[in-house]
Protein backbone atom coordinates (compact mmCIF):
# COMPACT_ATOMS: atom_id res chain seq x y z
CA MET A 1 40.35 18.60 10.47
CA ALA A 2 41.66 15.24 9.55
CA ALA A 3 40.37 13.71 12.88
CA ARG A 4 36.84 14.93 12.07
CA ALA A 5 37.12 13.38 8.70
CA ALA A 6 38.29 10.41 10.14
CA LEU A 7 35.67 10.23 12.71
CA ARG A 8 32.87 10.80 9.78
CA ARG A 9 34.27 7.92 7.88
CA VAL A 10 34.45 5.50 10.74
CA THR A 11 30.71 6.68 11.82
CA ALA A 12 29.63 6.20 8.10
CA ALA A 13 31.13 2.73 8.02
CA ARG A 14 29.35 1.91 11.48
CA ASN A 15 25.97 2.89 10.35
CA ARG A 16 26.47 1.02 7.12
CA LEU A 17 27.51 -2.21 9.31
CA LEU A 18 24.30 -1.77 11.39
CA ALA A 19 22.06 -1.05 8.57
CA ALA A 20 23.21 -4.37 6.98
CA ARG A 21 22.93 -6.10 10.12
CA ALA A 22 19.43 -5.23 10.47
CA ARG A 23 18.66 -6.10 7.03
CA SER A 24 19.78 -9.52 7.38
CA ASP A 25 18.28 -10.16 10.81
CA SER A 26 16.21 -13.38 10.26
CA ARG A 27 14.70 -13.80 13.82
CA ALA A 28 10.95 -14.92 13.22
CA TRP A 29 9.44 -11.78 14.84
CA GLN A 30 11.64 -9.52 12.58
CA VAL A 31 10.88 -11.10 9.44
CA LYS A 32 7.05 -11.00 10.19
CA ARG A 33 7.46 -7.34 11.06
CA ARG A 34 9.21 -6.91 7.84
CA GLU A 35 6.38 -8.76 5.88
CA ARG A 36 3.47 -6.71 7.41
CA THR A 37 5.37 -3.16 6.87
CA ARG A 38 5.94 -4.22 3.10
CA GLN A 39 2.14 -5.30 3.08
CA LEU A 40 1.02 -2.21 4.42
CA ILE A 41 3.03 -0.02 2.07
CA GLU A 42 1.70 -1.87 -0.81
CA LEU A 43 -1.75 -1.33 0.39
CA GLY A 44 -1.06 2.40 0.87
CA GLY A 45 0.29 2.34 -2.59
CA LEU A 46 -3.02 0.72 -3.79
CA VAL A 47 -4.69 3.86 -2.03
CA SER A 48 -2.77 6.41 -3.85
CA LYS A 49 -2.96 4.50 -7.08
CA ALA A 50 -6.86 4.54 -6.97
CA GLY A 51 -6.71 8.17 -6.63
CA LEU A 52 -8.48 8.23 -3.35
CA ILE A 53 -6.01 10.64 -1.42
CA GLU A 54 -6.93 13.49 -4.25
CA LEU A 55 -10.55 12.54 -4.60
CA THR A 56 -11.09 12.63 -0.95
CA ASP A 57 -8.79 15.28 0.00
CA ASP A 58 -6.86 13.38 1.87
CA ASP A 59 -9.71 13.00 4.55
CA ARG A 60 -8.83 9.68 6.58
CA ALA A 61 -12.36 9.58 7.70
CA VAL A 62 -13.81 9.70 4.18
CA MET A 63 -11.48 6.99 3.27
CA PHE A 64 -12.17 4.79 6.45
CA GLY A 65 -15.67 5.10 5.54
CA LEU A 66 -15.14 3.77 2.22
CA PHE A 67 -13.13 0.87 3.63
CA VAL A 68 -16.01 0.16 6.00
CA GLU A 69 -18.74 0.27 3.24
CA ALA A 70 -16.64 -2.00 1.23
CA ALA A 71 -16.11 -4.68 4.28
CA ALA A 72 -20.09 -4.58 5.01
CA ALA A 73 -20.62 -5.40 1.10
CA LEU A 74 -18.04 -8.37 1.60
CA ARG A 75 -20.07 -9.37 4.49
CA ASP A 76 -23.47 -9.25 2.56
CA GLU A 77 -25.05 -12.17 0.75
CA ARG A 78 -23.90 -10.68 -2.78
CA ARG A 79 -20.38 -11.02 -1.71
CA ASP A 80 -19.24 -13.17 -4.87
CA ASN A 81 -20.96 -10.65 -7.07
CA ALA A 82 -19.07 -7.71 -5.44
CA LEU A 83 -15.81 -9.57 -5.52
CA THR A 84 -16.15 -10.52 -9.11
CA LEU A 85 -16.89 -6.89 -10.24
CA TRP A 86 -14.17 -5.26 -8.10
CA ARG A 87 -11.60 -7.89 -9.31
CA ARG A 88 -12.55 -7.46 -12.91
CA ARG A 89 -12.19 -3.68 -12.30
CA GLY A 90 -9.13 -3.94 -10.73
CA LYS A 91 -7.50 -5.98 -13.20
CA ARG A 92 -8.52 -3.70 -16.02
CA ALA A 93 -7.36 -0.64 -14.04
CA PHE A 94 -3.71 -2.63 -13.55
CA GLN A 95 -3.75 -3.37 -17.26
CA ALA A 96 -4.77 0.12 -18.30
CA GLU A 97 -1.51 1.30 -15.93
CA ALA A 98 0.50 -1.13 -17.91
CA ASP A 99 -0.63 -0.05 -21.10
CA GLY A 100 0.22 3.71 -20.11
CA GLU A 101 -3.54 4.61 -20.13
CA ALA A 102 -5.63 6.32 -17.37
CA ALA A 103 -7.88 4.16 -15.72
CA SER A 104 -11.71 5.07 -16.10
CA ILE A 105 -13.76 5.31 -13.07
CA GLU A 106 -17.10 4.20 -13.28
CA PRO A 107 -19.75 4.58 -10.43
CA VAL A 108 -20.83 1.48 -8.65
CA PRO A 109 -24.07 0.18 -9.11
CA PRO A 110 -26.43 0.88 -6.14
CA SER A 111 -26.61 -2.92 -5.37
CA PHE A 112 -23.09 -2.94 -4.04
CA ALA A 113 -23.02 0.35 -2.27
């Protein structure tokens, strides 16, 4: 019984040490990997925050289609107008969230769809 408890403690200490070592790994590829992982997590948070998961019933094809449409709009000659509109809406939504309000979702004008 005491040997098992000691083994558990040693194993937990070893795991903590390995986790700490992994967190402090500063090799360039490891740092880039962590940065990319963080970016992907943040972008997933924005998808969730926008309500796309619930609104699309977690349909990945629909969400990807939305992103493809947005990318097409950004390749269009009206890119600047779309960016301005989306930036304003995003800032208002962030502010509404900070104020504890629900962000209102207005339809996108057909010129950007």
